[in-house]
Amino acid sequence: MTGTELVAEASAAAENAYAPYSGFRVGAVVVSQDGRRFVGVNVENGAYGTTICAEAVAIAAAASAGVRKIDTLAASCIDAEGPGYPCGNCRQMMVEFEVDRVFVGGGPDGPLEYALDELIPHAFRL
């Protein structure tokens, strides 16, 4: 599956996001090494600290299915004017699951592709 297709899937998922406070609906798709896909959306809460990012939801869905290595993550914020990059917490979660490549939607020429080390060059590792 191409980055464009994965970001389109993430954008479609973002339509279901629960974002009444920020107005920024985010969708994410993770692809396991065996090709299974898991989707997530951001879920906001009036107690802001309990808000869950789309990337974290998708990673948690994959982990719940037994995935321990993620090949690709694609994220899209359908309400942003430009690329909607994953937050630092989600980047650290991607480190934990050894994500190989990340596609970010919202680029003027289509999805932007990164190796995880480009997004979090000095990641914390135990």
N, C-alpha and C. Protein backbone atom coordinates (compact mmCIF):
# COMPACT_ATOMS: atom_id res chain seq x y z
N MET A 1 0.84 -1.18 0.00
CA MET A 1 0.00 0.00 0.00
C MET A 1 0.89 1.25 0.00
N THR A 2 0.51 2.23 -0.77
CA THR A 2 1.32 3.45 -0.88
C THR A 2 1.03 4.40 0.27
N GLY A 3 1.94 5.36 0.45
CA GLY A 3 1.73 6.39 1.46
C GLY A 3 0.46 7.19 1.19
N THR A 4 0.19 7.45 -0.06
CA THR A 4 -1.02 8.19 -0.43
C THR A 4 -2.27 7.42 -0.01
N GLU A 5 -2.27 6.12 -0.27
CA GLU A 5 -3.43 5.29 0.11
C GLU A 5 -3.59 5.22 1.63
N LEU A 6 -2.48 5.08 2.34
CA LEU A 6 -2.56 4.99 3.81
C LEU A 6 -3.02 6.31 4.42
N VAL A 7 -2.53 7.42 3.91
CA VAL A 7 -2.96 8.72 4.43
C VAL A 7 -4.44 8.95 4.11
N ALA A 8 -4.89 8.49 2.95
CA ALA A 8 -6.32 8.60 2.61
C ALA A 8 -7.15 7.78 3.59
N GLU A 9 -6.68 6.61 3.97
CA GLU A 9 -7.38 5.79 4.95
C GLU A 9 -7.39 6.48 6.32
N ALA A 10 -6.28 7.09 6.69
CA ALA A 10 -6.21 7.83 7.95
C ALA A 10 -7.15 9.03 7.92
N SER A 11 -7.22 9.71 6.79
CA SER A 11 -8.12 10.85 6.65
C SER A 11 -9.58 10.43 6.77
N ALA A 12 -9.91 9.30 6.17
CA ALA A 12 -11.29 8.79 6.28
C ALA A 12 -11.61 8.44 7.73
N ALA A 13 -10.66 7.86 8.43
CA ALA A 13 -10.87 7.53 9.85
C ALA A 13 -11.08 8.79 10.67
N ALA A 14 -10.35 9.86 10.33
CA ALA A 14 -10.43 11.11 11.08
C ALA A 14 -11.85 11.68 11.10
N GLU A 15 -12.65 11.33 10.12
CA GLU A 15 -14.05 11.78 10.11
C GLU A 15 -14.79 11.32 11.37
N ASN A 16 -14.32 10.24 11.99
CA ASN A 16 -14.96 9.69 13.19
C ASN A 16 -14.32 10.17 14.49
N ALA A 17 -13.31 11.04 14.41
CA ALA A 17 -12.64 11.52 15.61
C ALA A 17 -13.61 12.28 16.50
N TYR A 18 -13.33 12.26 17.79
CA TYR A 18 -14.12 13.02 18.76
C TYR A 18 -13.25 14.18 19.22
N ALA A 19 -13.44 15.34 18.60
CA ALA A 19 -12.58 16.49 18.86
C ALA A 19 -13.40 17.76 19.09
N PRO A 20 -14.31 17.77 20.09
CA PRO A 20 -15.16 18.94 20.29
C PRO A 20 -14.42 20.14 20.87
N TYR A 21 -13.24 19.96 21.41
CA TYR A 21 -12.52 21.06 22.06
C TYR A 21 -11.50 21.71 21.13
N SER A 22 -10.69 20.92 20.47
CA SER A 22 -9.66 21.48 19.59
C SER A 22 -10.17 21.72 18.18
N GLY A 23 -11.14 20.92 17.75
CA GLY A 23 -11.60 21.00 16.37
C GLY A 23 -10.63 20.39 15.38
N PHE A 24 -9.61 19.70 15.88
CA PHE A 24 -8.63 19.05 15.01
C PHE A 24 -8.86 17.55 15.04
N ARG A 25 -9.48 17.05 13.98
CA ARG A 25 -9.77 15.62 13.88
C ARG A 25 -8.59 14.91 13.22
N VAL A 26 -8.10 13.90 13.92
CA VAL A 26 -6.92 13.17 13.47
C VAL A 26 -7.27 11.70 13.32
N GLY A 27 -6.77 11.09 12.28
CA GLY A 27 -6.88 9.66 12.07
C GLY A 27 -5.51 9.08 11.87
N ALA A 28 -5.34 7.82 12.23
CA ALA A 28 -4.05 7.14 12.05
C ALA A 28 -4.30 5.70 11.64
N VAL A 29 -3.35 5.17 10.90
CA VAL A 29 -3.36 3.77 10.49
C VAL A 29 -1.97 3.23 10.76
N VAL A 30 -1.91 2.07 11.41
CA VAL A 30 -0.63 1.38 11.55
C VAL A 30 -0.72 0.07 10.78
N VAL A 31 0.40 -0.31 10.20
CA VAL A 31 0.49 -1.54 9.42
C VAL A 31 1.54 -2.42 10.08
N SER A 32 1.12 -3.63 10.45
CA SER A 32 2.05 -4.58 11.07
C SER A 32 2.94 -5.19 10.00
N GLN A 33 3.96 -5.91 10.43
CA GLN A 33 4.86 -6.55 9.48
C GLN A 33 4.15 -7.55 8.58
N ASP A 34 3.08 -8.17 9.09
CA ASP A 34 2.36 -9.15 8.28
C ASP A 34 1.23 -8.51 7.46
N GLY A 35 1.17 -7.18 7.44
CA GLY A 35 0.22 -6.48 6.59
C GLY A 35 -1.12 -6.13 7.22
N ARG A 36 -1.35 -6.54 8.46
CA ARG A 36 -2.61 -6.16 9.11
C ARG A 36 -2.61 -4.66 9.38
N ARG A 37 -3.80 -4.05 9.25
CA ARG A 37 -3.93 -2.62 9.49
C ARG A 37 -4.83 -2.39 10.69
N PHE A 38 -4.46 -1.37 11.47
CA PHE A 38 -5.22 -0.98 12.65
C PHE A 38 -5.42 0.53 12.59
N VAL A 39 -6.65 0.95 12.87
CA VAL A 39 -7.02 2.35 12.72
C VAL A 39 -7.28 2.97 14.09
N GLY A 40 -6.97 4.24 14.21
CA GLY A 40 -7.27 4.98 15.43
C GLY A 40 -7.69 6.40 15.10
N VAL A 41 -8.41 7.02 16.02
CA VAL A 41 -8.80 8.43 15.93
C VAL A 41 -8.52 9.08 17.27
N ASN A 42 -8.35 10.41 17.26
CA ASN A 42 -8.18 11.08 18.54
C ASN A 42 -9.53 11.17 19.25
N VAL A 43 -9.45 11.04 20.57
CA VAL A 43 -10.64 11.10 21.43
C VAL A 43 -10.33 12.10 22.53
N GLU A 44 -10.94 13.29 22.42
CA GLU A 44 -10.69 14.34 23.40
C GLU A 44 -11.60 14.19 24.62
N ASN A 45 -11.24 14.92 25.65
CA ASN A 45 -11.99 14.87 26.90
C ASN A 45 -11.87 16.23 27.56
N GLY A 46 -12.93 16.65 28.27
CA GLY A 46 -12.90 17.92 28.99
C GLY A 46 -11.78 17.99 30.00
N ALA A 47 -11.37 16.84 30.54
CA ALA A 47 -10.17 16.77 31.37
C ALA A 47 -9.03 16.48 30.39
N TYR A 48 -8.40 17.54 29.91
CA TYR A 48 -7.50 17.46 28.76
C TYR A 48 -6.45 16.36 28.86
N GLY A 49 -5.95 16.09 30.05
CA GLY A 49 -4.91 15.07 30.21
C GLY A 49 -5.35 13.67 29.84
N THR A 50 -6.65 13.45 29.77
CA THR A 50 -7.14 12.11 29.41
C THR A 50 -7.44 11.96 27.93
N THR A 51 -7.16 13.00 27.16
CA THR A 51 -7.31 12.93 25.71
C THR A 51 -6.35 11.88 25.16
N ILE A 52 -6.78 11.16 24.13
CA ILE A 52 -5.97 10.11 23.52
C ILE A 52 -5.75 10.47 22.05
N CYS A 53 -4.49 10.42 21.63
CA CYS A 53 -4.13 10.72 20.24
C CYS A 53 -4.50 9.55 19.32
N ALA A 54 -4.77 9.87 18.07
CA ALA A 54 -5.11 8.84 17.08
C ALA A 54 -4.00 7.82 16.91
N GLU A 55 -2.76 8.30 16.90
CA GLU A 55 -1.63 7.39 16.73
C GLU A 55 -1.55 6.40 17.90
N ALA A 56 -1.79 6.90 19.11
CA ALA A 56 -1.75 6.03 20.29
C ALA A 56 -2.88 5.00 20.25
N VAL A 57 -4.06 5.42 19.79
CA VAL A 57 -5.19 4.48 19.68
C VAL A 57 -4.87 3.38 18.68
N ALA A 58 -4.31 3.75 17.53
CA ALA A 58 -3.98 2.75 16.51
C ALA A 58 -2.89 1.80 17.00
N ILE A 59 -1.88 2.34 17.68
CA ILE A 59 -0.82 1.49 18.22
C ILE A 59 -1.37 0.56 19.29
N ALA A 60 -2.24 1.06 20.14
CA ALA A 60 -2.85 0.23 21.19
C ALA A 60 -3.70 -0.87 20.58
N ALA A 61 -4.42 -0.57 19.50
CA ALA A 61 -5.22 -1.60 18.83
C ALA A 61 -4.31 -2.70 18.28
N ALA A 62 -3.19 -2.29 17.68
CA ALA A 62 -2.24 -3.28 17.16
C ALA A 62 -1.65 -4.11 18.30
N ALA A 63 -1.26 -3.45 19.38
CA ALA A 63 -0.69 -4.16 20.53
C ALA A 63 -1.70 -5.14 21.11
N SER A 64 -2.97 -4.73 21.15
CA SER A 64 -4.03 -5.61 21.67
C SER A 64 -4.21 -6.86 20.83
N ALA A 65 -3.81 -6.78 19.56
CA ALA A 65 -3.89 -7.94 18.66
C ALA A 65 -2.59 -8.74 18.65
N GLY A 66 -1.65 -8.36 19.52
CA GLY A 66 -0.41 -9.10 19.63
C GLY A 66 0.75 -8.56 18.81
N VAL A 67 0.56 -7.46 18.11
CA VAL A 67 1.63 -6.89 17.30
C VAL A 67 2.69 -6.28 18.21
N ARG A 68 3.95 -6.56 17.91
CA ARG A 68 5.05 -5.99 18.69
C ARG A 68 6.04 -5.23 17.81
N LYS A 69 5.82 -5.26 16.50
CA LYS A 69 6.67 -4.55 15.54
C LYS A 69 5.76 -3.96 14.48
N ILE A 70 5.82 -2.65 14.33
CA ILE A 70 4.98 -1.96 13.34
C ILE A 70 5.85 -1.52 12.17
N ASP A 71 5.41 -1.86 10.98
CA ASP A 71 6.14 -1.49 9.77
C ASP A 71 5.93 -0.01 9.44
N THR A 72 4.68 0.43 9.40
CA THR A 72 4.35 1.76 8.91
C THR A 72 3.26 2.38 9.76
N LEU A 73 3.35 3.70 9.96
CA LEU A 73 2.28 4.47 10.58
C LEU A 73 1.97 5.64 9.66
N ALA A 74 0.69 5.88 9.40
CA ALA A 74 0.25 7.04 8.62
C ALA A 74 -0.71 7.84 9.48
N ALA A 75 -0.54 9.16 9.48
CA ALA A 75 -1.41 10.03 10.27
C ALA A 75 -1.87 11.20 9.42
N SER A 76 -3.10 11.65 9.70
CA SER A 76 -3.65 12.77 8.95
C SER A 76 -4.58 13.57 9.84
N CYS A 77 -4.36 14.88 9.89
CA CYS A 77 -5.28 15.79 10.57
C CYS A 77 -6.04 16.51 9.47
N ILE A 78 -7.32 16.19 9.36
CA ILE A 78 -8.11 16.72 8.24
C ILE A 78 -8.51 18.18 8.43
N ASP A 79 -8.24 18.74 9.62
CA ASP A 79 -8.59 20.13 9.88
C ASP A 79 -7.38 21.06 9.92
N ALA A 80 -6.19 20.53 9.74
CA ALA A 80 -4.98 21.35 9.76
C ALA A 80 -4.72 21.97 8.40
N GLU A 81 -4.07 23.11 8.38
CA GLU A 81 -3.74 23.76 7.12
C GLU A 81 -2.49 23.17 6.48
N GLY A 82 -1.70 22.46 7.25
CA GLY A 82 -0.48 21.84 6.75
C GLY A 82 -0.32 20.47 7.36
N PRO A 83 0.88 19.93 7.34
CA PRO A 83 1.11 18.60 7.91
C PRO A 83 0.76 18.57 9.40
N GLY A 84 0.16 17.47 9.82
CA GLY A 84 -0.19 17.27 11.23
C GLY A 84 0.73 16.22 11.82
N TYR A 85 1.86 16.66 12.34
CA TYR A 85 2.87 15.73 12.85
C TYR A 85 2.45 15.10 14.17
N PRO A 86 2.85 13.85 14.41
CA PRO A 86 2.58 13.21 15.70
C PRO A 86 3.29 13.95 16.84
N CYS A 87 2.65 13.96 18.01
CA CYS A 87 3.25 14.61 19.18
C CYS A 87 4.43 13.79 19.70
N GLY A 88 5.15 14.34 20.64
CA GLY A 88 6.30 13.66 21.21
C GLY A 88 5.96 12.35 21.89
N ASN A 89 4.84 12.31 22.60
CA ASN A 89 4.42 11.08 23.27
C ASN A 89 4.17 9.97 22.25
N CYS A 90 3.50 10.31 21.17
CA CYS A 90 3.22 9.30 20.14
C CYS A 90 4.50 8.87 19.43
N ARG A 91 5.40 9.80 19.24
CA ARG A 91 6.69 9.45 18.63
C ARG A 91 7.43 8.44 19.52
N GLN A 92 7.37 8.67 20.83
CA GLN A 92 8.03 7.74 21.74
C GLN A 92 7.34 6.37 21.71
N MET A 93 6.01 6.34 21.57
CA MET A 93 5.31 5.06 21.42
C MET A 93 5.77 4.36 20.15
N MET A 94 6.00 5.12 19.08
CA MET A 94 6.48 4.53 17.84
C MET A 94 7.86 3.91 18.02
N VAL A 95 8.69 4.53 18.85
CA VAL A 95 10.00 3.97 19.15
C VAL A 95 9.83 2.60 19.82
N GLU A 96 8.90 2.51 20.75
CA GLU A 96 8.67 1.27 21.49
C GLU A 96 8.29 0.13 20.55
N PHE A 97 7.55 0.44 19.49
CA PHE A 97 7.10 -0.58 18.55
C PHE A 97 7.91 -0.59 17.26
N GLU A 98 9.07 0.06 17.28
CA GLU A 98 10.05 0.00 16.20
C GLU A 98 9.47 0.30 14.82
N VAL A 99 8.69 1.37 14.73
CA VAL A 99 8.09 1.76 13.46
C VAL A 99 9.20 2.09 12.45
N ASP A 100 9.09 1.51 11.26
CA ASP A 100 10.10 1.73 10.23
C ASP A 100 9.91 3.04 9.47
N ARG A 101 8.67 3.34 9.10
CA ARG A 101 8.43 4.55 8.32
C ARG A 101 7.13 5.19 8.75
N VAL A 102 7.08 6.51 8.57
CA VAL A 102 5.93 7.30 8.99
C VAL A 102 5.51 8.18 7.82
N PHE A 103 4.22 8.18 7.52
CA PHE A 103 3.66 9.08 6.53
C PHE A 103 2.80 10.11 7.26
N VAL A 104 2.99 11.37 6.90
CA VAL A 104 2.23 12.46 7.50
C VAL A 104 1.45 13.14 6.39
N GLY A 105 0.16 13.24 6.57
CA GLY A 105 -0.68 13.90 5.58
C GLY A 105 -0.61 15.41 5.71
N GLY A 106 -1.05 16.09 4.69
CA GLY A 106 -1.14 17.54 4.72
C GLY A 106 -0.03 18.27 4.01
N GLY A 107 0.89 17.55 3.40
CA GLY A 107 1.95 18.20 2.64
C GLY A 107 1.39 18.73 1.33
N PRO A 108 1.96 19.81 0.80
CA PRO A 108 1.43 20.40 -0.43
C PRO A 108 1.55 19.48 -1.65
N ASP A 109 2.50 18.55 -1.61
CA ASP A 109 2.70 17.64 -2.73
C ASP A 109 2.33 16.21 -2.39
N GLY A 110 1.47 16.04 -1.40
CA GLY A 110 1.08 14.70 -0.98
C GLY A 110 1.72 14.35 0.34
N PRO A 111 1.59 13.10 0.75
CA PRO A 111 2.12 12.68 2.05
C PRO A 111 3.63 12.87 2.15
N LEU A 112 4.06 13.22 3.34
CA LEU A 112 5.48 13.33 3.63
C LEU A 112 5.93 12.03 4.28
N GLU A 113 7.06 11.49 3.86
CA GLU A 113 7.54 10.22 4.39
C GLU A 113 8.81 10.46 5.22
N TYR A 114 8.86 9.79 6.37
CA TYR A 114 10.00 9.91 7.27
C TYR A 114 10.39 8.55 7.80
N ALA A 115 11.67 8.40 8.07
CA ALA A 115 12.13 7.31 8.93
C ALA A 115 11.92 7.82 10.36
N LEU A 116 11.62 6.93 11.28
CA LEU A 116 11.32 7.37 12.64
C LEU A 116 12.47 8.17 13.25
N ASP A 117 13.70 7.82 12.95
CA ASP A 117 14.86 8.55 13.49
C ASP A 117 14.87 10.01 13.05
N GLU A 118 14.21 10.32 11.93
CA GLU A 118 14.12 11.72 11.50
C GLU A 118 13.15 12.51 12.38
N LEU A 119 12.11 11.84 12.88
CA LEU A 119 11.12 12.52 13.71
C LEU A 119 11.50 12.56 15.18
N ILE A 120 12.30 11.61 15.62
CA ILE A 120 12.73 11.58 17.02
C ILE A 120 14.18 11.05 17.05
N PRO A 121 15.11 11.97 16.72
CA PRO A 121 16.50 11.54 16.54
C PRO A 121 17.21 11.06 17.81
N HIS A 122 16.77 11.47 18.96
CA HIS A 122 17.43 11.07 20.20
C HIS A 122 16.42 10.42 21.12
N ALA A 123 15.80 9.37 20.63
CA ALA A 123 14.73 8.70 21.35
C ALA A 123 15.23 8.05 22.63
N PHE A 124 14.36 8.01 23.62
CA PHE A 124 14.65 7.31 24.86
C PHE A 124 14.46 5.82 24.65
N ARG A 125 15.45 5.06 25.04
CA ARG A 125 15.36 3.59 24.95
C ARG A 125 15.90 2.99 26.23
N LEU A 126 15.22 1.99 26.75
CA LEU A 126 15.74 1.27 27.92
C LEU A 126 16.77 0.27 27.50
